[in-house]
Amino acid sequence: MFRVAATTSTSSTNVKYPSVTPKLILPTKSFKTTPGLSARALDPSGIDAALRPLLNFARESVPMENWKETQIHLMATAGLRHIEQHLSESIIDACRETLRESPFSFEKDEWASVLPGTKEASYGWTAVNYAFNALSPEKPPKETYGVLELGGASMQVTYACLLYTSPSPRDKRQSRMPSS
């Protein structure tokens, strides 16, 4: 099965689709348009025209016989988080309408949404650590990679940390952090 993911920022919208290799699935093709969706905040009628080149790229990249079962997701980032909510919602609604009309599988409204910054950071961290094969159950969290992601309107720093219980400031005993 193929999956198409579109991410947006203040400056661009990207579509990526995975290429299957024996060990890992990584995006090998991408397509970028500018400006990003937030630039259309005052006129969401231009969303369809903005998404068409991205959908055409996905059509060229995914074999036609796989279109109907290929899920398409749109994940907007900081550009839409930083504008007024009613404007962001109207842009996402216009995106959903365009995606429903595409030849790909768009079954749920939540497949097009504005990602919270924490989820955006988690996806970035997971992608990097997956790509470097650092998510193996045999590897402890301290062997994963930290990620610093600089976007058009936001920045995320994500890393794994050991779980521990922080001592209360009133607790004069030793730290309850496990020894490594």
Protein backbone atom coordinates (compact mmCIF):
# COMPACT_ATOMS: atom_id res chain seq x y z
CA MET A 1 0.00 0.00 0.00
CA PHE A 2 1.16 3.52 -0.75
CA ARG A 3 0.55 6.53 1.48
CA VAL A 4 0.87 10.11 0.40
CA ALA A 5 1.65 12.71 3.06
CA ALA A 6 1.45 16.44 2.51
CA THR A 7 3.04 18.77 5.01
CA THR A 8 2.62 22.50 4.97
CA SER A 9 4.57 25.39 6.40
CA THR A 10 4.40 29.15 6.18
CA SER A 11 6.49 29.11 3.05
CA SER A 12 5.69 25.88 1.21
CA THR A 13 3.64 22.73 0.86
CA ASN A 14 5.41 19.40 0.27
CA VAL A 15 4.23 15.99 -0.87
CA LYS A 16 6.27 12.88 -0.16
CA TYR A 17 5.63 9.27 -0.93
CA PRO A 18 7.71 6.32 0.20
CA SER A 19 9.87 4.04 -1.87
CA VAL A 20 10.11 0.51 -0.54
CA THR A 21 13.56 -0.91 0.13
CA PRO A 22 14.35 -4.16 1.95
CA LYS A 23 15.23 -2.51 5.27
CA LEU A 24 13.46 0.78 5.33
CA ILE A 25 10.83 2.97 3.75
CA LEU A 26 11.98 6.53 3.11
CA PRO A 27 10.59 9.28 0.93
CA THR A 28 12.63 9.31 -2.25
CA LYS A 29 10.59 11.81 -4.20
CA SER A 30 9.21 15.10 -3.06
CA PHE A 31 7.59 18.12 -4.60
CA LYS A 32 7.42 21.59 -3.12
CA THR A 33 5.18 24.53 -3.92
CA THR A 34 5.22 28.06 -2.62
CA PRO A 35 3.68 29.86 -0.92
CA GLY A 36 2.33 27.67 1.87
CA LEU A 37 -1.33 27.33 2.82
CA SER A 38 -1.30 30.11 5.42
CA ALA A 39 -0.66 32.62 2.62
CA ARG A 40 -4.20 31.83 1.45
CA ALA A 41 -5.78 32.66 4.81
CA LEU A 42 -7.89 35.52 3.47
CA ASP A 43 -8.93 33.65 0.31
CA PRO A 44 -9.38 29.88 0.82
CA SER A 45 -10.90 29.63 -2.67
CA GLY A 46 -7.32 29.33 -3.97
CA ILE A 47 -6.68 26.14 -2.00
CA ASP A 48 -7.84 23.85 -4.78
CA ALA A 49 -5.44 25.47 -7.25
CA ALA A 50 -2.64 25.31 -4.68
CA LEU A 51 -3.12 21.57 -4.03
CA ARG A 52 -3.56 20.54 -7.70
CA PRO A 53 0.19 20.48 -8.55
CA LEU A 54 0.80 18.37 -5.44
CA LEU A 55 -1.99 15.95 -6.35
CA ASN A 56 -0.65 15.75 -9.90
CA PHE A 57 2.78 14.87 -8.52
CA ALA A 58 1.19 12.13 -6.39
CA ARG A 59 -0.69 10.81 -9.47
CA GLU A 60 2.58 10.60 -11.39
CA SER A 61 4.36 8.91 -8.48
CA VAL A 62 1.79 6.33 -7.37
CA PRO A 63 0.76 3.67 -9.91
CA MET A 64 -2.79 4.28 -11.15
CA GLU A 65 -3.99 0.84 -9.99
CA ASN A 66 -3.08 1.86 -6.42
CA TRP A 67 -4.81 5.24 -6.33
CA LYS A 68 -8.07 4.13 -4.73
CA GLU A 69 -6.36 2.39 -1.79
CA THR A 70 -3.64 5.01 -1.37
CA GLN A 71 -4.46 7.08 1.68
CA ILE A 72 -3.76 10.79 1.45
CA HIS A 73 -3.10 12.86 4.56
CA LEU A 74 -2.46 16.57 4.95
CA MET A 75 -0.63 17.75 8.05
CA ALA A 76 -0.42 21.52 8.41
CA THR A 77 2.21 22.91 10.73
CA ALA A 78 3.07 26.23 12.36
CA GLY A 79 1.87 28.44 9.52
CA LEU A 80 -1.73 27.45 10.24
CA ARG A 81 -1.18 27.26 14.01
CA HIS A 82 -0.21 30.94 14.03
CA ILE A 83 -3.20 32.42 12.23
CA GLU A 84 -6.67 32.94 13.67
CA GLN A 85 -8.45 29.64 14.28
CA HIS A 86 -11.47 30.41 12.06
CA LEU A 87 -9.11 31.16 9.14
CA SER A 88 -7.12 27.98 9.78
CA GLU A 89 -10.34 25.94 9.92
CA SER A 90 -11.61 27.37 6.63
CA ILE A 91 -8.30 26.49 4.93
CA ILE A 92 -8.38 22.93 6.29
CA ASP A 93 -12.04 22.57 5.22
CA ALA A 94 -11.11 23.68 1.69
CA CYS A 95 -8.22 21.18 1.69
CA ARG A 96 -10.56 18.39 2.77
CA GLU A 97 -12.95 19.20 -0.08
CA THR A 98 -10.12 19.04 -2.63
CA LEU A 99 -8.71 15.80 -1.16
CA ARG A 100 -12.16 14.15 -1.21
CA GLU A 101 -12.37 14.91 -4.93
CA SER A 102 -8.94 13.41 -5.61
CA PRO A 103 -8.53 9.84 -6.88
CA PHE A 104 -6.89 8.87 -3.58
CA SER A 105 -8.46 7.54 -0.40
CA PHE A 106 -9.51 10.39 1.88
CA GLU A 107 -11.97 8.78 4.28
CA LYS A 108 -11.77 10.81 7.48
CA ASP A 109 -11.75 14.54 8.14
CA GLU A 110 -8.93 14.09 10.67
CA TRP A 111 -6.68 13.02 7.79
CA ALA A 112 -6.36 16.76 7.09
CA SER A 113 -5.55 18.74 10.19
CA VAL A 114 -3.30 21.25 11.87
CA LEU A 115 -0.69 19.37 13.86
CA PRO A 116 0.09 20.54 17.38
CA GLY A 117 3.78 21.41 17.74
CA THR A 118 4.36 18.41 20.01
CA LYS A 119 3.01 16.01 17.41
CA GLU A 120 5.01 17.70 14.64
CA ALA A 121 8.14 17.27 16.76
CA SER A 122 7.30 13.64 17.56
CA TYR A 123 6.86 12.79 13.89
CA GLY A 124 10.19 14.42 13.06
CA TRP A 125 11.97 12.57 15.87
CA THR A 126 10.41 9.25 14.85
CA ALA A 127 11.33 9.74 11.18
CA VAL A 128 14.97 10.56 11.95
CA ASN A 129 15.40 7.72 14.41
CA TYR A 130 13.63 5.25 12.12
CA ALA A 131 15.88 6.30 9.25
CA PHE A 132 18.97 5.66 11.38
CA ASN A 133 17.57 2.35 12.70
CA ALA A 134 17.66 3.70 16.25
CA LEU A 135 14.19 2.50 17.27
CA SER A 136 15.14 -1.10 17.82
CA PRO A 137 13.88 -2.59 21.11
CA GLU A 138 17.45 -3.74 21.76
CA LYS A 139 18.71 -0.14 21.90
CA PRO A 140 18.24 2.00 25.00
CA PRO A 141 16.74 5.51 24.55
CA LYS A 142 20.13 7.15 25.11
CA GLU A 143 21.23 5.70 21.75
CA THR A 144 18.58 7.59 19.78
CA TYR A 145 19.16 10.86 17.95
CA GLY A 146 17.96 14.25 19.09
CA VAL A 147 16.33 16.42 16.45
CA LEU A 148 16.47 20.18 15.99
CA GLU A 149 13.94 21.19 13.36
CA LEU A 150 13.87 24.77 12.10
CA GLY A 151 10.73 25.61 10.18
CA GLY A 152 9.33 28.73 8.59
CA ALA A 153 7.33 29.71 11.68
CA SER A 154 8.41 27.33 14.42
CA MET A 155 11.27 25.38 15.89
CA GLN A 156 11.12 22.00 17.60
CA VAL A 157 13.79 20.28 19.69
CA THR A 158 13.01 16.64 20.39
CA TYR A 159 15.01 13.98 22.18
CA ALA A 160 14.44 10.87 24.25
CA CYS A 161 15.02 11.15 27.96
CA LEU A 162 15.20 8.57 30.68
CA LEU A 163 12.09 8.32 32.82
CA TYR A 164 12.64 9.27 36.41
CA THR A 165 10.73 10.78 39.28
CA SER A 166 11.97 14.20 40.16
CA PRO A 167 12.44 14.71 43.88
CA SER A 168 10.26 17.22 45.60
CA PRO A 169 12.09 20.41 46.59
CA ARG A 170 11.02 19.57 50.16
CA ASP A 171 12.64 16.13 49.95
CA LYS A 172 16.15 16.49 51.38
CA ARG A 173 17.09 12.92 50.45
CA GLN A 174 19.00 11.94 47.32
CA SER A 175 17.58 12.21 43.83
CA ARG A 176 15.30 9.36 42.79
CA MET A 177 16.83 9.29 39.29
CA PRO A 178 17.95 5.75 38.40
CA SER A 179 21.68 5.27 38.06
CA SER A 180 22.90 4.62 34.53
